Amino acid sequence: MWWGVRFTSRYGLGRFTMVEEYDLDKNGKLDAEERQLYLEDRRRKIEDDDAKRDAQRNMTWFALSGMVLYPAGIFFCTVIGQETAAMLIADIANIYVVSVSALVGAYFGFTAMGSKK
């Protein structure tokens, strides 16, 4: 029977805590409706975690793309004869590169810390 299996989550909660949480009629067993509630909640948590990872990955790629295209913007302004615009863009490049590098570094750092759990 499936309720004889020990359920553990990343928080270290065992089967008995899971049964207490989803046992709505407090009879010590998970009925079909309560199992369905548990499975739906588990599916929702998995989908939320997956969407979070996708959003973070997209944010990181967007930031890295901007960091690569930033010098191209400076070069483009120089080519079309907008020397003042190129100089202004180049002046704020230091702040942009540092902040984007910190953002990407934090993403990779927290991802690595999360995978060690």
PDB file of N, CA and C in Angstrom:
ATOM      1  N   MET A   1       0.839  -1.181   0.000  1.00  0.00           N
ATOM      2  CA  MET A   1       0.000   0.000   0.000  1.00  0.00           C
ATOM      3  C   MET A   1       0.878   1.236   0.000  1.00  0.00           C
ATOM      4  N   TRP A   2       0.436   2.260  -0.640  1.00  0.00           N
ATOM      5  CA  TRP A   2       1.271   3.428  -0.848  1.00  0.00           C
ATOM      6  C   TRP A   2       1.532   4.203   0.432  1.00  0.00           C
ATOM      7  N   TRP A   3       0.662   4.141   1.433  1.00  0.00           N
ATOM      8  CA  TRP A   3       0.888   4.933   2.638  1.00  0.00           C
ATOM      9  C   TRP A   3       1.895   4.269   3.568  1.00  0.00           C
ATOM     10  N   GLY A   4       2.338   3.073   3.221  1.00  0.00           N
ATOM     11  CA  GLY A   4       3.393   2.433   3.989  1.00  0.00           C
ATOM     12  C   GLY A   4       4.776   2.942   3.588  1.00  0.00           C
ATOM     13  N   VAL A   5       4.854   3.647   2.474  1.00  0.00           N
ATOM     14  CA  VAL A   5       6.123   4.187   2.005  1.00  0.00           C
ATOM     15  C   VAL A   5       6.439   5.449   2.787  1.00  0.00           C
ATOM     16  N   ARG A   6       7.686   5.608   3.155  1.00  0.00           N
ATOM     17  CA  ARG A   6       8.086   6.800   3.901  1.00  0.00           C
ATOM     18  C   ARG A   6       8.294   7.948   2.921  1.00  0.00           C
ATOM     19  N   PHE A   7       7.520   9.012   3.094  1.00  0.00           N
ATOM     20  CA  PHE A   7       7.630  10.196   2.250  1.00  0.00           C
ATOM     21  C   PHE A   7       8.565  11.181   2.930  1.00  0.00           C
ATOM     22  N   THR A   8       9.558  11.604   2.223  1.00  0.00           N
ATOM     23  CA  THR A   8      10.441  12.635   2.760  1.00  0.00           C
ATOM     24  C   THR A   8      10.513  13.767   1.757  1.00  0.00           C
ATOM     25  N   SER A   9      10.590  14.954   2.268  1.00  0.00           N
ATOM     26  CA  SER A   9      10.737  16.114   1.405  1.00  0.00           C
ATOM     27  C   SER A   9      12.094  16.735   1.659  1.00  0.00           C
ATOM     28  N   ARG A  10      12.370  17.807   0.967  1.00  0.00           N
ATOM     29  CA  ARG A  10      13.662  18.453   1.155  1.00  0.00           C
ATOM     30  C   ARG A  10      13.767  19.116   2.516  1.00  0.00           C
ATOM     31  N   TYR A  11      12.669  19.227   3.242  1.00  0.00           N
ATOM     32  CA  TYR A  11      12.672  19.824   4.567  1.00  0.00           C
ATOM     33  C   TYR A  11      12.784  18.773   5.661  1.00  0.00           C
ATOM     34  N   GLY A  12      12.893  17.500   5.289  1.00  0.00           N
ATOM     35  CA  GLY A  12      13.073  16.446   6.260  1.00  0.00           C
ATOM     36  C   GLY A  12      11.779  15.981   6.912  1.00  0.00           C
ATOM     37  N   LEU A  13      10.640  16.365   6.388  1.00  0.00           N
ATOM     38  CA  LEU A  13       9.377  15.928   6.970  1.00  0.00           C
ATOM     39  C   LEU A  13       9.104  14.500   6.545  1.00  0.00           C
ATOM     40  N   GLY A  14       8.601  13.704   7.445  1.00  0.00           N
ATOM     41  CA  GLY A  14       8.354  12.310   7.152  1.00  0.00           C
ATOM     42  C   GLY A  14       6.901  12.035   6.825  1.00  0.00           C
ATOM     43  N   ARG A  15       6.587  10.757   6.714  1.00  0.00           N
ATOM     44  CA  ARG A  15       5.248  10.323   6.329  1.00  0.00           C
ATOM     45  C   ARG A  15       4.210  10.773   7.341  1.00  0.00           C
ATOM     46  N   PHE A  16       4.531  10.710   8.617  1.00  0.00           N
ATOM     47  CA  PHE A  16       3.529  11.022   9.625  1.00  0.00           C
ATOM     48  C   PHE A  16       3.138  12.498   9.607  1.00  0.00           C
ATOM     49  N   THR A  17       4.088  13.373   9.360  1.00  0.00           N
ATOM     50  CA  THR A  17       3.759  14.791   9.235  1.00  0.00           C
ATOM     51  C   THR A  17       2.900  15.017   8.002  1.00  0.00           C
ATOM     52  N   MET A  18       3.226  14.311   6.905  1.00  0.00           N
ATOM     53  CA  MET A  18       2.454  14.439   5.679  1.00  0.00           C
ATOM     54  C   MET A  18       1.032  13.942   5.903  1.00  0.00           C
ATOM     55  N   VAL A  19       0.886  12.834   6.632  1.00  0.00           N
ATOM     56  CA  VAL A  19      -0.447  12.309   6.905  1.00  0.00           C
ATOM     57  C   VAL A  19      -1.235  13.291   7.758  1.00  0.00           C
ATOM     58  N   GLU A  20      -0.596  13.860   8.779  1.00  0.00           N
ATOM     59  CA  GLU A  20      -1.286  14.834   9.628  1.00  0.00           C
ATOM     60  C   GLU A  20      -1.725  16.062   8.841  1.00  0.00           C
ATOM     61  N   GLU A  21      -0.899  16.493   7.909  1.00  0.00           N
ATOM     62  CA  GLU A  21      -1.213  17.696   7.143  1.00  0.00           C
ATOM     63  C   GLU A  21      -2.371  17.478   6.184  1.00  0.00           C
ATOM     64  N   TYR A  22      -2.420  16.326   5.532  1.00  0.00           N
ATOM     65  CA  TYR A  22      -3.436  16.082   4.508  1.00  0.00           C
ATOM     66  C   TYR A  22      -4.596  15.216   4.991  1.00  0.00           C
ATOM     67  N   ASP A  23      -4.546  14.725   6.210  1.00  0.00           N
ATOM     68  CA  ASP A  23      -5.635  13.916   6.759  1.00  0.00           C
ATOM     69  C   ASP A  23      -6.720  14.850   7.281  1.00  0.00           C
ATOM     70  N   LEU A  24      -7.683  15.142   6.430  1.00  0.00           N
ATOM     71  CA  LEU A  24      -8.706  16.132   6.773  1.00  0.00           C
ATOM     72  C   LEU A  24      -9.693  15.627   7.814  1.00  0.00           C
ATOM     73  N   ASP A  25     -10.026  14.341   7.773  1.00  0.00           N
ATOM     74  CA  ASP A  25     -10.994  13.813   8.745  1.00  0.00           C
ATOM     75  C   ASP A  25     -10.308  13.239   9.994  1.00  0.00           C
ATOM     76  N   LYS A  26      -8.994  13.363  10.093  1.00  0.00           N
ATOM     77  CA  LYS A  26      -8.199  12.991  11.269  1.00  0.00           C
ATOM     78  C   LYS A  26      -8.397  11.531  11.702  1.00  0.00           C
ATOM     79  N   ASN A  27      -8.471  10.614  10.710  1.00  0.00           N
ATOM     80  CA  ASN A  27      -8.605   9.203  11.056  1.00  0.00           C
ATOM     81  C   ASN A  27      -7.266   8.457  10.978  1.00  0.00           C
ATOM     82  N   GLY A  28      -6.173   9.167  10.688  1.00  0.00           N
ATOM     83  CA  GLY A  28      -4.855   8.552  10.653  1.00  0.00           C
ATOM     84  C   GLY A  28      -4.494   7.932   9.320  1.00  0.00           C
ATOM     85  N   LYS A  29      -5.408   7.951   8.359  1.00  0.00           N
ATOM     86  CA  LYS A  29      -5.154   7.387   7.039  1.00  0.00           C
ATOM     87  C   LYS A  29      -5.553   8.406   5.981  1.00  0.00           C
ATOM     88  N   LEU A  30      -4.904   8.303   4.845  1.00  0.00           N
ATOM     89  CA  LEU A  30      -5.268   9.174   3.738  1.00  0.00           C
ATOM     90  C   LEU A  30      -6.260   8.447   2.839  1.00  0.00           C
ATOM     91  N   ASP A  31      -7.444   9.016   2.734  1.00  0.00           N
ATOM     92  CA  ASP A  31      -8.456   8.459   1.846  1.00  0.00           C
ATOM     93  C   ASP A  31      -8.144   8.885   0.412  1.00  0.00           C
ATOM     94  N   ALA A  32      -8.952   8.426  -0.532  1.00  0.00           N
ATOM     95  CA  ALA A  32      -8.720   8.740  -1.943  1.00  0.00           C
ATOM     96  C   ALA A  32      -8.752  10.246  -2.200  1.00  0.00           C
ATOM     97  N   GLU A  33      -9.710  10.947  -1.593  1.00  0.00           N
ATOM     98  CA  GLU A  33      -9.806  12.396  -1.792  1.00  0.00           C
ATOM     99  C   GLU A  33      -8.602  13.110  -1.186  1.00  0.00           C
ATOM    100  N   GLU A  34      -8.152  12.644  -0.034  1.00  0.00           N
ATOM    101  CA  GLU A  34      -7.005  13.266   0.620  1.00  0.00           C
ATOM    102  C   GLU A  34      -5.712  12.982  -0.148  1.00  0.00           C
ATOM    103  N   ARG A  35      -5.604  11.779  -0.715  1.00  0.00           N
ATOM    104  CA  ARG A  35      -4.453  11.468  -1.557  1.00  0.00           C
ATOM    105  C   ARG A  35      -4.447  12.351  -2.792  1.00  0.00           C
ATOM    106  N   GLN A  36      -5.637  12.565  -3.359  1.00  0.00           N
ATOM    107  CA  GLN A  36      -5.745  13.428  -4.543  1.00  0.00           C
ATOM    108  C   GLN A  36      -5.321  14.855  -4.193  1.00  0.00           C
ATOM    109  N   LEU A  37      -5.722  15.326  -3.022  1.00  0.00           N
ATOM    110  CA  LEU A  37      -5.331  16.662  -2.556  1.00  0.00           C
ATOM    111  C   LEU A  37      -3.811  16.735  -2.403  1.00  0.00           C
ATOM    112  N   TYR A  38      -3.227  15.705  -1.814  1.00  0.00           N
ATOM    113  CA  TYR A  38      -1.776  15.652  -1.648  1.00  0.00           C
ATOM    114  C   TYR A  38      -1.076  15.680  -3.005  1.00  0.00           C
ATOM    115  N   LEU A  39      -1.541  14.859  -3.943  1.00  0.00           N
ATOM    116  CA  LEU A  39      -0.908  14.798  -5.265  1.00  0.00           C
ATOM    117  C   LEU A  39      -1.044  16.119  -6.018  1.00  0.00           C
ATOM    118  N   GLU A  40      -2.212  16.767  -5.923  1.00  0.00           N
ATOM    119  CA  GLU A  40      -2.411  18.067  -6.573  1.00  0.00           C
ATOM    120  C   GLU A  40      -1.478  19.118  -5.976  1.00  0.00           C
ATOM    121  N   ASP A  41      -1.351  19.102  -4.654  1.00  0.00           N
ATOM    122  CA  ASP A  41      -0.472  20.067  -3.999  1.00  0.00           C
ATOM    123  C   ASP A  41       0.973  19.822  -4.399  1.00  0.00           C
ATOM    124  N   ARG A  42       1.363  18.580  -4.439  1.00  0.00           N
ATOM    125  CA  ARG A  42       2.723  18.222  -4.850  1.00  0.00           C
ATOM    126  C   ARG A  42       2.982  18.637  -6.298  1.00  0.00           C
ATOM    127  N   ARG A  43       2.022  18.398  -7.195  1.00  0.00           N
ATOM    128  CA  ARG A  43       2.160  18.769  -8.599  1.00  0.00           C
ATOM    129  C   ARG A  43       2.300  20.284  -8.739  1.00  0.00           C
ATOM    130  N   ARG A  44       1.495  21.030  -7.964  1.00  0.00           N
ATOM    131  CA  ARG A  44       1.549  22.489  -8.012  1.00  0.00           C
ATOM    132  C   ARG A  44       2.899  23.003  -7.538  1.00  0.00           C
ATOM    133  N   LYS A  45       3.439  22.406  -6.475  1.00  0.00           N
ATOM    134  CA  LYS A  45       4.751  22.825  -5.969  1.00  0.00           C
ATOM    135  C   LYS A  45       5.841  22.549  -6.994  1.00  0.00           C
ATOM    136  N   ILE A  46       5.770  21.409  -7.662  1.00  0.00           N
ATOM    137  CA  ILE A  46       6.755  21.076  -8.684  1.00  0.00           C
ATOM    138  C   ILE A  46       6.671  22.059  -9.842  1.00  0.00           C
ATOM    139  N   GLU A  47       5.454  22.379 -10.285  1.00  0.00           N
ATOM    140  CA  GLU A  47       5.282  23.336 -11.384  1.00  0.00           C
ATOM    141  C   GLU A  47       5.776  24.726 -10.989  1.00  0.00           C
ATOM    142  N   ASP A  48       5.503  25.137  -9.749  1.00  0.00           N
ATOM    143  CA  ASP A  48       5.974  26.447  -9.282  1.00  0.00           C
ATOM    144  C   ASP A  48       7.496  26.508  -9.244  1.00  0.00           C
ATOM    145  N   ASP A  49       8.120  25.463  -8.749  1.00  0.00           N
ATOM    146  CA  ASP A  49       9.584  25.423  -8.706  1.00  0.00           C
ATOM    147  C   ASP A  49      10.174  25.450 -10.118  1.00  0.00           C
ATOM    148  N   ASP A  50       9.526  24.722 -11.028  1.00  0.00           N
ATOM    149  CA  ASP A  50      10.000  24.692 -12.405  1.00  0.00           C
ATOM    150  C   ASP A  50       9.851  26.066 -13.066  1.00  0.00           C
ATOM    151  N   ALA A  51       8.726  26.734 -12.841  1.00  0.00           N
ATOM    152  CA  ALA A  51       8.522  28.071 -13.406  1.00  0.00           C
ATOM    153  C   ALA A  51       9.523  29.072 -12.826  1.00  0.00           C
ATOM    154  N   LYS A  52       9.839  28.920 -11.556  1.00  0.00           N
ATOM    155  CA  LYS A  52      10.818  29.808 -10.922  1.00  0.00           C
ATOM    156  C   LYS A  52      12.191  29.620 -11.556  1.00  0.00           C
ATOM    157  N   ARG A  53      12.599  28.377 -11.758  1.00  0.00           N
ATOM    158  CA  ARG A  53      13.892  28.115 -12.390  1.00  0.00           C
ATOM    159  C   ARG A  53      13.931  28.658 -13.814  1.00  0.00           C
ATOM    160  N   ASP A  54      12.838  28.487 -14.551  1.00  0.00           N
ATOM    161  CA  ASP A  54      12.789  29.011 -15.920  1.00  0.00           C
ATOM    162  C   ASP A  54      12.900  30.529 -15.939  1.00  0.00           C
ATOM    163  N   ALA A  55      12.197  31.204 -15.031  1.00  0.00           N
ATOM    164  CA  ALA A  55      12.254  32.667 -14.971  1.00  0.00           C
ATOM    165  C   ALA A  55      13.657  33.144 -14.612  1.00  0.00           C
ATOM    166  N   GLN A  56      14.298  32.476 -13.670  1.00  0.00           N
ATOM    167  CA  GLN A  56      15.660  32.859 -13.298  1.00  0.00           C
ATOM    168  C   GLN A  56      16.633  32.624 -14.447  1.00  0.00           C
ATOM    169  N   ARG A  57      16.460  31.525 -15.158  1.00  0.00           N
ATOM    170  CA  ARG A  57      17.333  31.232 -16.285  1.00  0.00           C
ATOM    171  C   ARG A  57      17.146  32.275 -17.392  1.00  0.00           C
ATOM    172  N   ASN A  58      15.907  32.639 -17.678  1.00  0.00           N
ATOM    173  CA  ASN A  58      15.645  33.655 -18.698  1.00  0.00           C
ATOM    174  C   ASN A  58      16.223  35.004 -18.286  1.00  0.00           C
ATOM    175  N   MET A  59      16.095  35.349 -17.020  1.00  0.00           N
ATOM    176  CA  MET A  59      16.646  36.609 -16.525  1.00  0.00           C
ATOM    177  C   MET A  59      18.160  36.622 -16.704  1.00  0.00           C
ATOM    178  N   THR A  60      18.801  35.522 -16.405  1.00  0.00           N
ATOM    179  CA  THR A  60      20.247  35.442 -16.523  1.00  0.00           C
ATOM    180  C   THR A  60      20.691  35.569 -17.978  1.00  0.00           C
ATOM    181  N   TRP A  61      20.017  34.878 -18.888  1.00  0.00           N
ATOM    182  CA  TRP A  61      20.376  34.980 -20.301  1.00  0.00           C
ATOM    183  C   TRP A  61      20.136  36.391 -20.832  1.00  0.00           C
ATOM    184  N   PHE A  62      19.065  37.029 -20.400  1.00  0.00           N
ATOM    185  CA  PHE A  62      18.793  38.401 -20.830  1.00  0.00           C
ATOM    186  C   PHE A  62      19.894  39.335 -20.330  1.00  0.00           C
ATOM    187  N   ALA A  63      20.291  39.165 -19.077  1.00  0.00           N
ATOM    188  CA  ALA A  63      21.344  40.014 -18.508  1.00  0.00           C
ATOM    189  C   ALA A  63      22.672  39.790 -19.229  1.00  0.00           C
ATOM    190  N   LEU A  64      23.016  38.539 -19.499  1.00  0.00           N
ATOM    191  CA  LEU A  64      24.264  38.252 -20.207  1.00  0.00           C
ATOM    192  C   LEU A  64      24.229  38.786 -21.639  1.00  0.00           C
ATOM    193  N   SER A  65      23.088  38.681 -22.281  1.00  0.00           N
ATOM    194  CA  SER A  65      22.957  39.224 -23.637  1.00  0.00           C
ATOM    195  C   SER A  65      23.149  40.732 -23.632  1.00  0.00           C
ATOM    196  N   GLY A  66      22.567  41.401 -22.657  1.00  0.00           N
ATOM    197  CA  GLY A  66      22.743  42.844 -22.550  1.00  0.00           C
ATOM    198  C   GLY A  66      24.186  43.219 -22.303  1.00  0.00           C
ATOM    199  N   MET A  67      24.878  42.416 -21.523  1.00  0.00           N
ATOM    200  CA  MET A  67      26.279  42.692 -21.234  1.00  0.00           C
ATOM    201  C   MET A  67      27.138  42.529 -22.495  1.00  0.00           C
ATOM    202  N   VAL A  68      26.793  41.570 -23.334  1.00  0.00           N
ATOM    203  CA  VAL A  68      27.535  41.369 -24.570  1.00  0.00           C
ATOM    204  C   VAL A  68      27.191  42.450 -25.598  1.00  0.00           C
ATOM    205  N   LEU A  69      25.923  42.858 -25.651  1.00  0.00           N
ATOM    206  CA  LEU A  69      25.492  43.845 -26.638  1.00  0.00           C
ATOM    207  C   LEU A  69      25.810  45.285 -26.245  1.00  0.00           C
ATOM    208  N   TYR A  70      26.149  45.519 -24.996  1.00  0.00           N
ATOM    209  CA  TYR A  70      26.445  46.876 -24.536  1.00  0.00           C
ATOM    210  C   TYR A  70      27.600  47.508 -25.313  1.00  0.00           C
ATOM    211  N   PRO A  71      28.724  46.817 -25.485  1.00  0.00           N
ATOM    212  CA  PRO A  71      29.792  47.408 -26.305  1.00  0.00           C
ATOM    213  C   PRO A  71      29.374  47.625 -27.761  1.00  0.00           C
ATOM    214  N   ALA A  72      28.497  46.774 -28.261  1.00  0.00           N
ATOM    215  CA  ALA A  72      28.008  46.963 -29.625  1.00  0.00           C
ATOM    216  C   ALA A  72      27.218  48.268 -29.739  1.00  0.00           C
ATOM    217  N   GLY A  73      26.480  48.627 -28.698  1.00  0.00           N
ATOM    218  CA  GLY A  73      25.757  49.895 -28.690  1.00  0.00           C
ATOM    219  C   GLY A  73      26.695  51.088 -28.714  1.00  0.00           C
ATOM    220  N   ILE A  74      27.783  50.985 -27.979  1.00  0.00           N
ATOM    221  CA  ILE A  74      28.785  52.056 -27.979  1.00  0.00           C
ATOM    222  C   ILE A  74      29.414  52.170 -29.369  1.00  0.00           C
ATOM    223  N   PHE A  75      29.760  51.043 -29.956  1.00  0.00           N
ATOM    224  CA  PHE A  75      30.350  51.038 -31.291  1.00  0.00           C
ATOM    225  C   PHE A  75      29.372  51.599 -32.330  1.00  0.00           C
ATOM    226  N   PHE A  76      28.102  51.226 -32.227  1.00  0.00           N
ATOM    227  CA  PHE A  76      27.094  51.704 -33.164  1.00  0.00           C
ATOM    228  C   PHE A  76      26.961  53.226 -33.083  1.00  0.00           C
ATOM    229  N   CYS A  77      26.952  53.765 -31.879  1.00  0.00           N
ATOM    230  CA  CYS A  77      26.870  55.227 -31.719  1.00  0.00           C
ATOM    231  C   CYS A  77      28.084  55.914 -32.326  1.00  0.00           C
ATOM    232  N   THR A  78      29.241  55.312 -32.212  1.00  0.00           N
ATOM    233  CA  THR A  78      30.453  55.879 -32.800  1.00  0.00           C
ATOM    234  C   THR A  78      30.380  55.844 -34.322  1.00  0.00           C
ATOM    235  N   VAL A  79      29.876  54.736 -34.874  1.00  0.00           N
ATOM    236  CA  VAL A  79      29.791  54.582 -36.329  1.00  0.00           C
ATOM    237  C   VAL A  79      28.837  55.603 -36.941  1.00  0.00           C
ATOM    238  N   ILE A  80      27.709  55.875 -36.289  1.00  0.00           N
ATOM    239  CA  ILE A  80      26.744  56.815 -36.866  1.00  0.00           C
ATOM    240  C   ILE A  80      27.072  58.270 -36.533  1.00  0.00           C
ATOM    241  N   GLY A  81      28.193  58.491 -35.853  1.00  0.00           N
ATOM    242  CA  GLY A  81      28.653  59.844 -35.621  1.00  0.00           C
ATOM    243  C   GLY A  81      28.137  60.493 -34.352  1.00  0.00           C
ATOM    244  N   GLN A  82      27.587  59.723 -33.452  1.00  0.00           N
ATOM    245  CA  GLN A  82      27.082  60.256 -32.187  1.00  0.00           C
ATOM    246  C   GLN A  82      28.132  60.058 -31.096  1.00  0.00           C
ATOM    247  N   GLU A  83      29.207  60.836 -31.181  1.00  0.00           N
ATOM    248  CA  GLU A  83      30.321  60.681 -30.255  1.00  0.00           C
ATOM    249  C   GLU A  83      29.916  60.980 -28.807  1.00  0.00           C
ATOM    250  N   THR A  84      29.063  61.984 -28.627  1.00  0.00           N
ATOM    251  CA  THR A  84      28.632  62.332 -27.273  1.00  0.00           C
ATOM    252  C   THR A  84      27.808  61.199 -26.660  1.00  0.00           C
ATOM    253  N   ALA A  85      26.924  60.628 -27.459  1.00  0.00           N
ATOM    254  CA  ALA A  85      26.114  59.504 -26.964  1.00  0.00           C
ATOM    255  C   ALA A  85      27.003  58.313 -26.630  1.00  0.00           C
ATOM    256  N   ALA A  86      27.994  58.043 -27.468  1.00  0.00           N
ATOM    257  CA  ALA A  86      28.906  56.936 -27.209  1.00  0.00           C
ATOM    258  C   ALA A  86      29.685  57.175 -25.926  1.00  0.00           C
ATOM    259  N   MET A  87      30.095  58.422 -25.696  1.00  0.00           N
ATOM    260  CA  MET A  87      30.841  58.736 -24.493  1.00  0.00           C
ATOM    261  C   MET A  87      29.963  58.579 -23.247  1.00  0.00           C
ATOM    262  N   LEU A  88      28.707  59.033 -23.327  1.00  0.00           N
ATOM    263  CA  LEU A  88      27.795  58.904 -22.181  1.00  0.00           C
ATOM    264  C   LEU A  88      27.492  57.438 -21.870  1.00  0.00           C
ATOM    265  N   ILE A  89      27.278  56.671 -22.915  1.00  0.00           N
ATOM    266  CA  ILE A  89      27.008  55.240 -22.710  1.00  0.00           C
ATOM    267  C   ILE A  89      28.242  54.560 -22.110  1.00  0.00           C
ATOM    268  N   ALA A  90      29.419  54.922 -22.594  1.00  0.00           N
ATOM    269  CA  ALA A  90      30.653  54.332 -22.082  1.00  0.00           C
ATOM    270  C   ALA A  90      30.890  54.730 -20.622  1.00  0.00           C
ATOM    271  N   ASP A  91      30.458  55.922 -20.235  1.00  0.00           N
ATOM    272  CA  ASP A  91      30.645  56.367 -18.854  1.00  0.00           C
ATOM    273  C   ASP A  91      29.845  55.528 -17.857  1.00  0.00           C
ATOM    274  N   ILE A  92      28.669  55.074 -18.245  1.00  0.00           N
ATOM    275  CA  ILE A  92      27.858  54.273 -17.315  1.00  0.00           C
ATOM    276  C   ILE A  92      28.096  52.774 -17.481  1.00  0.00           C
ATOM    277  N   ALA A  93      28.987  52.399 -18.386  1.00  0.00           N
ATOM    278  CA  ALA A  93      29.262  50.980 -18.631  1.00  0.00           C
ATOM    279  C   ALA A  93      29.823  50.286 -17.402  1.00  0.00           C
ATOM    280  N   ASN A  94      30.658  50.989 -16.636  1.00  0.00           N
ATOM    281  CA  ASN A  94      31.257  50.365 -15.445  1.00  0.00           C
ATOM    282  C   ASN A  94      30.191  49.920 -14.456  1.00  0.00           C
ATOM    283  N   ILE A  95      29.239  50.773 -14.203  1.00  0.00           N
ATOM    284  CA  ILE A  95      28.166  50.443 -13.258  1.00  0.00           C
ATOM    285  C   ILE A  95      27.308  49.306 -13.793  1.00  0.00           C
ATOM    286  N   TYR A  96      27.014  49.355 -15.075  1.00  0.00           N
ATOM    287  CA  TYR A  96      26.176  48.329 -15.693  1.00  0.00           C
ATOM    288  C   TYR A  96      26.841  46.961 -15.619  1.00  0.00           C
ATOM    289  N   VAL A  97      28.097  46.888 -15.985  1.00  0.00           N
ATOM    290  CA  VAL A  97      28.804  45.602 -16.009  1.00  0.00           C
ATOM    291  C   VAL A  97      28.925  45.023 -14.599  1.00  0.00           C
ATOM    292  N   VAL A  98      29.235  45.871 -13.623  1.00  0.00           N
ATOM    293  CA  VAL A  98      29.363  45.387 -12.247  1.00  0.00           C
ATOM    294  C   VAL A  98      28.026  44.867 -11.721  1.00  0.00           C
ATOM    295  N   SER A  99      26.951  45.609 -11.962  1.00  0.00           N
ATOM    296  CA  SER A  99      25.647  45.184 -11.436  1.00  0.00           C
ATOM    297  C   SER A  99      25.138  43.924 -12.126  1.00  0.00           C
ATOM    298  N   VAL A 100      25.321  43.816 -13.431  1.00  0.00           N
ATOM    299  CA  VAL A 100      24.881  42.604 -14.135  1.00  0.00           C
ATOM    300  C   VAL A 100      25.745  41.414 -13.730  1.00  0.00           C
ATOM    301  N   SER A 101      27.034  41.636 -13.555  1.00  0.00           N
ATOM    302  CA  SER A 101      27.911  40.554 -13.109  1.00  0.00           C
ATOM    303  C   SER A 101      27.503  40.067 -11.714  1.00  0.00           C
ATOM    304  N   ALA A 102      27.140  40.997 -10.839  1.00  0.00           N
ATOM    305  CA  ALA A 102      26.676  40.601  -9.500  1.00  0.00           C
ATOM    306  C   ALA A 102      25.378  39.810  -9.588  1.00  0.00           C
ATOM    307  N   LEU A 103      24.480  40.215 -10.460  1.00  0.00           N
ATOM    308  CA  LEU A 103      23.210  39.520 -10.640  1.00  0.00           C
ATOM    309  C   LEU A 103      23.434  38.090 -11.128  1.00  0.00           C
ATOM    310  N   VAL A 104      24.245  37.938 -12.148  1.00  0.00           N
ATOM    311  CA  VAL A 104      24.516  36.611 -12.710  1.00  0.00           C
ATOM    312  C   VAL A 104      25.293  35.755 -11.703  1.00  0.00           C
ATOM    313  N   GLY A 105      26.257  36.365 -11.016  1.00  0.00           N
ATOM    314  CA  GLY A 105      27.016  35.633 -10.000  1.00  0.00           C
ATOM    315  C   GLY A 105      26.138  35.150  -8.863  1.00  0.00           C
ATOM    316  N   ALA A 106      25.202  35.997  -8.438  1.00  0.00           N
ATOM    317  CA  ALA A 106      24.274  35.597  -7.377  1.00  0.00           C
ATOM    318  C   ALA A 106      23.394  34.440  -7.837  1.00  0.00           C
ATOM    319  N   TYR A 107      22.938  34.495  -9.083  1.00  0.00           N
ATOM    320  CA  TYR A 107      22.112  33.404  -9.610  1.00  0.00           C
ATOM    321  C   TYR A 107      22.876  32.083  -9.572  1.00  0.00           C
ATOM    322  N   PHE A 108      24.088  32.094 -10.113  1.00  0.00           N
ATOM    323  CA  PHE A 108      24.865  30.863 -10.133  1.00  0.00           C
ATOM    324  C   PHE A 108      25.246  30.409  -8.722  1.00  0.00           C
ATOM    325  N   GLY A 109      25.538  31.343  -7.842  1.00  0.00           N
ATOM    326  CA  GLY A 109      25.884  30.992  -6.464  1.00  0.00           C
ATOM    327  C   GLY A 109      24.732  30.348  -5.731  1.00  0.00           C
ATOM    328  N   PHE A 110      23.560  30.954  -5.811  1.00  0.00           N
ATOM    329  CA  PHE A 110      22.397  30.387  -5.120  1.00  0.00           C
ATOM    330  C   PHE A 110      21.942  29.085  -5.757  1.00  0.00           C
ATOM    331  N   THR A 111      22.122  28.962  -7.063  1.00  0.00           N
ATOM    332  CA  THR A 111      21.793  27.702  -7.732  1.00  0.00           C
ATOM    333  C   THR A 111      22.716  26.593  -7.233  1.00  0.00           C
ATOM    334  N   ALA A 112      23.998  26.908  -7.099  1.00  0.00           N
ATOM    335  CA  ALA A 112      24.945  25.912  -6.605  1.00  0.00           C
ATOM    336  C   ALA A 112      24.657  25.549  -5.157  1.00  0.00           C
ATOM    337  N   MET A 113      24.297  26.534  -4.327  1.00  0.00           N
ATOM    338  CA  MET A 113      23.961  26.240  -2.938  1.00  0.00           C
ATOM    339  C   MET A 113      22.701  25.388  -2.846  1.00  0.00           C
ATOM    340  N   GLY A 114      21.731  25.655  -3.711  1.00  0.00           N
ATOM    341  CA  GLY A 114      20.495  24.887  -3.689  1.00  0.00           C
ATOM    342  C   GLY A 114      20.678  23.461  -4.139  1.00  0.00           C
ATOM    343  N   SER A 115      21.620  23.223  -5.032  1.00  0.00           N
ATOM    344  CA  SER A 115      21.839  21.860  -5.531  1.00  0.00           C
ATOM    345  C   SER A 115      22.612  21.005  -4.532  1.00  0.00           C
ATOM    346  N   LYS A 116      23.245  21.619  -3.530  1.00  0.00           N
ATOM    347  CA  LYS A 116      24.000  20.864  -2.538  1.00  0.00           C
ATOM    348  C   LYS A 116      23.117  20.318  -1.424  1.00  0.00           C
ATOM    349  N   LYS A 117      21.873  20.750  -1.358  1.00  0.00           N
ATOM    350  CA  LYS A 117      20.984  20.303  -0.267  1.00  0.00           C
ATOM    351  C   LYS A 117      20.625  18.864  -0.408  1.00  0.00           C
TER     352      LYS A 117
END
